[in-house]
N, C-alpha and C. Protein backbone atom coordinates (compact mmCIF):
# COMPACT_ATOMS: atom_id res chain seq x y z
N UNK A 1 -88.10 277.01 259.93
CA UNK A 1 -89.09 276.43 261.09
C UNK A 1 -88.54 274.49 261.35
N UNK A 2 -88.12 274.55 262.80
CA UNK A 2 -87.60 273.49 263.22
C UNK A 2 -88.64 272.64 263.65
N UNK A 3 -88.19 271.04 263.67
CA UNK A 3 -89.59 269.91 263.27
C UNK A 3 -89.10 269.09 264.42
N UNK A 4 -89.80 268.49 264.95
CA UNK A 4 -89.10 267.70 266.07
C UNK A 4 -89.43 266.36 265.53
N UNK A 5 -89.11 265.18 265.98
CA UNK A 5 -88.99 264.08 265.83
C UNK A 5 -89.09 263.11 267.19
N UNK A 6 -89.78 262.62 267.15
CA UNK A 6 -90.11 261.75 268.55
C UNK A 6 -89.67 260.02 268.48
N UNK A 7 -89.12 259.38 269.46
CA UNK A 7 -89.21 257.94 269.28
C UNK A 7 -90.27 257.51 270.36
N UNK A 8 -91.00 256.69 270.56
CA UNK A 8 -91.90 255.77 271.39
C UNK A 8 -91.40 254.30 271.31
N UNK A 9 -91.04 254.34 272.71
CA UNK A 9 -90.89 252.51 272.77
C UNK A 9 -91.94 251.75 273.05
N UNK A 10 -92.09 250.53 272.14
CA UNK A 10 -93.44 250.08 272.44
C UNK A 10 -92.84 248.45 271.98
N UNK A 11 -92.24 248.12 272.71
CA UNK A 11 -92.23 246.98 272.35
C UNK A 11 -91.77 245.41 272.98
N UNK A 12 -92.18 246.19 274.53
CA UNK A 12 -92.65 245.16 275.49
C UNK A 12 -93.66 244.12 275.63
N UNK A 13 -93.74 242.74 276.50
CA UNK A 13 -94.49 242.43 275.97
C UNK A 13 -95.98 242.98 277.27
N UNK A 14 -95.07 243.42 278.46
CA UNK A 14 -96.28 243.90 279.57
C UNK A 14 -96.27 242.48 280.34
N UNK A 15 -95.64 241.89 279.99
CA UNK A 15 -96.15 240.57 281.00
C UNK A 15 -96.55 240.64 282.67
N UNK A 16 -96.17 241.53 283.02
CA UNK A 16 -96.67 241.89 284.91
C UNK A 16 -98.41 242.32 284.78
N UNK A 17 -98.98 242.77 282.73
CA UNK A 17 -100.16 242.86 283.08
C UNK A 17 -101.35 241.57 282.78
N UNK A 18 -100.18 240.74 282.53
CA UNK A 18 -101.02 239.12 282.47
C UNK A 18 -102.07 238.99 281.41
N UNK A 19 -103.38 238.56 281.52
CA UNK A 19 -104.01 238.00 280.49
C UNK A 19 -104.28 239.07 279.98
N UNK A 20 -104.24 240.90 280.04
CA UNK A 20 -104.65 241.51 278.81
C UNK A 20 -103.45 241.40 278.26
N UNK A 21 -102.45 241.60 278.15
CA UNK A 21 -101.78 241.30 277.49
C UNK A 21 -101.36 240.08 276.20
N UNK A 22 -101.98 239.15 276.24
CA UNK A 22 -102.06 237.79 276.05
C UNK A 22 -101.93 237.97 274.43
N UNK A 23 -102.91 238.78 274.38
CA UNK A 23 -103.10 238.63 272.74
C UNK A 23 -102.98 239.94 272.12
N UNK A 24 -102.12 241.12 272.52
CA UNK A 24 -102.20 242.21 272.07
C UNK A 24 -100.76 243.03 273.02
N UNK A 25 -100.08 243.81 272.27
CA UNK A 25 -99.09 244.69 273.19
C UNK A 25 -99.74 245.64 273.88
N UNK A 26 -98.97 245.97 275.52
CA UNK A 26 -99.78 246.90 276.48
C UNK A 26 -99.90 248.10 275.57
N UNK A 27 -99.59 248.67 274.90
CA UNK A 27 -99.56 250.10 274.05
C UNK A 27 -100.94 250.49 273.24
N UNK A 28 -101.77 248.80 273.39
CA UNK A 28 -102.56 248.93 272.57
C UNK A 28 -104.04 248.54 273.82
N UNK A 29 -103.62 248.93 274.82
CA UNK A 29 -104.79 248.94 276.15
C UNK A 29 -105.44 249.48 275.68
N UNK A 30 -106.78 249.87 276.49
CA UNK A 30 -107.67 251.09 276.58
C UNK A 30 -107.32 252.08 277.76
N UNK A 31 -106.99 253.43 277.29
CA UNK A 31 -106.68 254.33 278.64
C UNK A 31 -107.89 255.17 278.00
N UNK A 32 -109.37 255.34 278.93
CA UNK A 32 -110.10 256.03 278.44
C UNK A 32 -110.77 255.77 277.43
N UNK A 33 -110.63 256.97 276.54
CA UNK A 33 -111.39 256.56 275.07
C UNK A 33 -110.73 256.53 274.12
N UNK A 34 -109.50 256.02 274.32
CA UNK A 34 -108.51 256.01 272.96
C UNK A 34 -107.39 254.29 273.70
N UNK A 35 -106.74 254.08 272.71
CA UNK A 35 -105.67 253.54 273.62
C UNK A 35 -104.30 254.04 273.45
N UNK A 36 -103.32 253.23 274.76
CA UNK A 36 -102.04 253.92 275.32
C UNK A 36 -101.35 254.88 274.00
N UNK A 37 -101.12 253.77 272.86
CA UNK A 37 -100.40 254.43 271.86
C UNK A 37 -101.04 255.80 271.37
N UNK A 38 -102.28 255.64 270.77
CA UNK A 38 -103.37 256.80 270.27
C UNK A 38 -103.20 258.32 271.07
N UNK A 39 -103.10 257.90 272.62
CA UNK A 39 -103.24 258.78 273.61
C UNK A 39 -101.29 259.36 273.33
N UNK A 40 -100.45 258.72 273.56
CA UNK A 40 -98.72 259.62 273.18
C UNK A 40 -98.90 259.91 271.96
N UNK A 41 -99.13 259.35 270.84
CA UNK A 41 -99.44 260.29 269.35
C UNK A 41 -100.18 261.60 269.18
N UNK A 42 -100.95 261.31 270.09
CA UNK A 42 -101.91 262.80 269.80
C UNK A 42 -101.36 263.70 270.75
N UNK A 43 -100.84 263.71 271.90
CA UNK A 43 -99.88 264.14 273.08
C UNK A 43 -98.80 264.79 272.31
N UNK A 44 -97.85 264.17 271.22
CA UNK A 44 -96.86 264.53 270.74
C UNK A 44 -97.36 265.27 269.33
N UNK A 45 -98.24 265.01 268.68
CA UNK A 45 -98.69 265.61 267.85
C UNK A 45 -99.35 267.26 268.21
N UNK A 46 -100.33 267.11 269.25
CA UNK A 46 -100.39 268.46 270.20
C UNK A 46 -98.86 269.57 270.39
N UNK A 47 -98.11 268.29 270.88
CA UNK A 47 -96.87 269.45 271.13
C UNK A 47 -95.99 270.04 270.14
N UNK A 48 -96.30 269.72 268.77
CA UNK A 48 -95.82 269.77 267.56
C UNK A 48 -94.48 269.08 267.28
N UNK A 49 -95.05 268.16 267.41
CA UNK A 49 -94.25 266.77 267.12
C UNK A 49 -94.15 266.12 265.26
N UNK A 50 -93.65 266.48 264.43
CA UNK A 50 -94.18 266.34 263.18
C UNK A 50 -94.11 264.48 262.76
N UNK A 51 -92.43 264.20 263.54
CA UNK A 51 -92.55 262.74 262.90
C UNK A 51 -92.34 262.08 263.66
N UNK A 52 -93.19 260.83 263.98
CA UNK A 52 -93.00 259.92 265.16
C UNK A 52 -92.70 258.54 264.56
N UNK A 53 -91.34 257.97 265.77
CA UNK A 53 -90.82 256.36 265.26
C UNK A 53 -91.52 255.62 266.23
N UNK A 54 -91.60 254.03 266.10
CA UNK A 54 -92.42 253.16 267.04
C UNK A 54 -90.92 252.42 267.14
N UNK A 55 -90.94 252.11 268.40
CA UNK A 55 -89.77 250.57 268.53
C UNK A 55 -90.62 249.81 268.96
N UNK A 56 -90.94 248.63 267.57
CA UNK A 56 -91.86 247.70 268.47
C UNK A 56 -91.03 246.17 268.08
N UNK A 57 -92.03 245.76 268.64
CA UNK A 57 -91.27 244.07 268.81
C UNK A 57 -92.49 243.28 269.19
N UNK A 58 -92.63 242.56 270.39
CA UNK A 58 -93.85 241.94 270.60
C UNK A 58 -95.48 242.15 270.16
N UNK A 59 -96.14 241.53 269.06
CA UNK A 59 -97.04 241.56 268.37
C UNK A 59 -97.30 242.74 267.69
N UNK A 60 -95.80 243.53 266.56
CA UNK A 60 -96.31 244.38 265.83
C UNK A 60 -96.78 244.72 265.00
N UNK A 61 -97.21 243.13 264.28
CA UNK A 61 -98.57 242.67 263.48
C UNK A 61 -99.93 243.37 264.31
N UNK A 62 -100.14 243.64 264.97
CA UNK A 62 -101.26 243.81 265.63
C UNK A 62 -101.03 245.68 265.57
N UNK A 63 -100.19 246.12 266.09
CA UNK A 63 -100.14 247.38 265.93
C UNK A 63 -100.20 248.02 264.67
N UNK A 64 -100.33 247.36 263.25
CA UNK A 64 -99.70 247.84 261.75
C UNK A 64 -101.33 247.47 261.85
N UNK A 65 -102.27 246.57 261.98
CA UNK A 65 -103.55 246.13 261.04
C UNK A 65 -104.75 247.31 262.10
N UNK A 66 -105.50 247.44 260.28
CA UNK A 66 -106.36 248.38 260.69
C UNK A 66 -106.04 249.90 260.67
N UNK A 67 -104.95 250.45 260.48
CA UNK A 67 -104.10 251.39 261.09
C UNK A 67 -103.53 252.20 259.25
N UNK A 68 -103.87 252.25 258.26
CA UNK A 68 -103.49 252.51 256.89
C UNK A 68 -102.72 253.73 257.42
N UNK A 69 -102.57 254.46 258.08
CA UNK A 69 -101.52 255.52 257.85
C UNK A 69 -100.27 254.94 258.45
N UNK A 70 -100.16 254.03 258.91
CA UNK A 70 -98.89 253.40 259.56
C UNK A 70 -97.96 253.11 258.76
N UNK A 71 -96.90 252.52 258.11
CA UNK A 71 -96.15 252.12 257.41
C UNK A 71 -94.95 251.03 258.57
N UNK A 72 -95.13 250.21 258.16
CA UNK A 72 -93.86 248.98 258.74
C UNK A 72 -92.77 248.75 257.72
N UNK A 73 -91.97 249.33 258.32
CA UNK A 73 -90.75 249.19 257.71
C UNK A 73 -89.95 247.79 257.89
N UNK A 74 -90.09 247.12 256.88
CA UNK A 74 -89.15 245.86 257.01
C UNK A 74 -87.82 245.68 257.65
N UNK A 75 -87.16 246.76 256.80
CA UNK A 75 -85.36 246.77 257.46
C UNK A 75 -85.21 247.18 258.52
N UNK A 76 -85.84 248.23 258.78
CA UNK A 76 -85.25 248.07 260.65
C UNK A 76 -86.73 247.71 261.07
N UNK A 77 -87.95 246.76 260.94
CA UNK A 77 -88.57 246.14 262.03
C UNK A 77 -89.01 247.58 262.57
N UNK A 78 -89.19 248.42 262.25
CA UNK A 78 -89.92 249.60 263.20
C UNK A 78 -91.44 250.01 262.53
N UNK A 79 -91.86 250.44 263.71
CA UNK A 79 -93.13 251.21 263.15
C UNK A 79 -93.38 252.56 262.99
N UNK A 80 -93.58 253.28 261.78
CA UNK A 80 -93.32 255.00 261.91
C UNK A 80 -94.99 255.07 261.52
N UNK A 81 -95.00 256.17 261.69
CA UNK A 81 -96.45 256.99 260.70
C UNK A 81 -96.00 257.93 260.31
N UNK A 82 -96.82 257.60 259.06
CA UNK A 82 -96.99 258.57 258.01
C UNK A 82 -96.92 259.71 257.99
N UNK A 83 -96.86 260.88 257.47
CA UNK A 83 -97.57 262.09 257.75
C UNK A 83 -98.71 262.12 256.41
């Protein structure tokens, strides 16, 4: 069985969004009933992607907070979702 791996680039500050991203990265902004990153993950999983890696930078601590199923890799300084 084929397994798909996706990479999400979520490292930008979102400086053009001004005050909306002063305390959190743009991928945590709401988009309907979920955040942008939650929507991306859900759509990827719905498409059969079994492993997702996020390339993070700005406020990566905010991405991991409150998400126990996500692991922060210190060596790669990335955020991946564990299954």
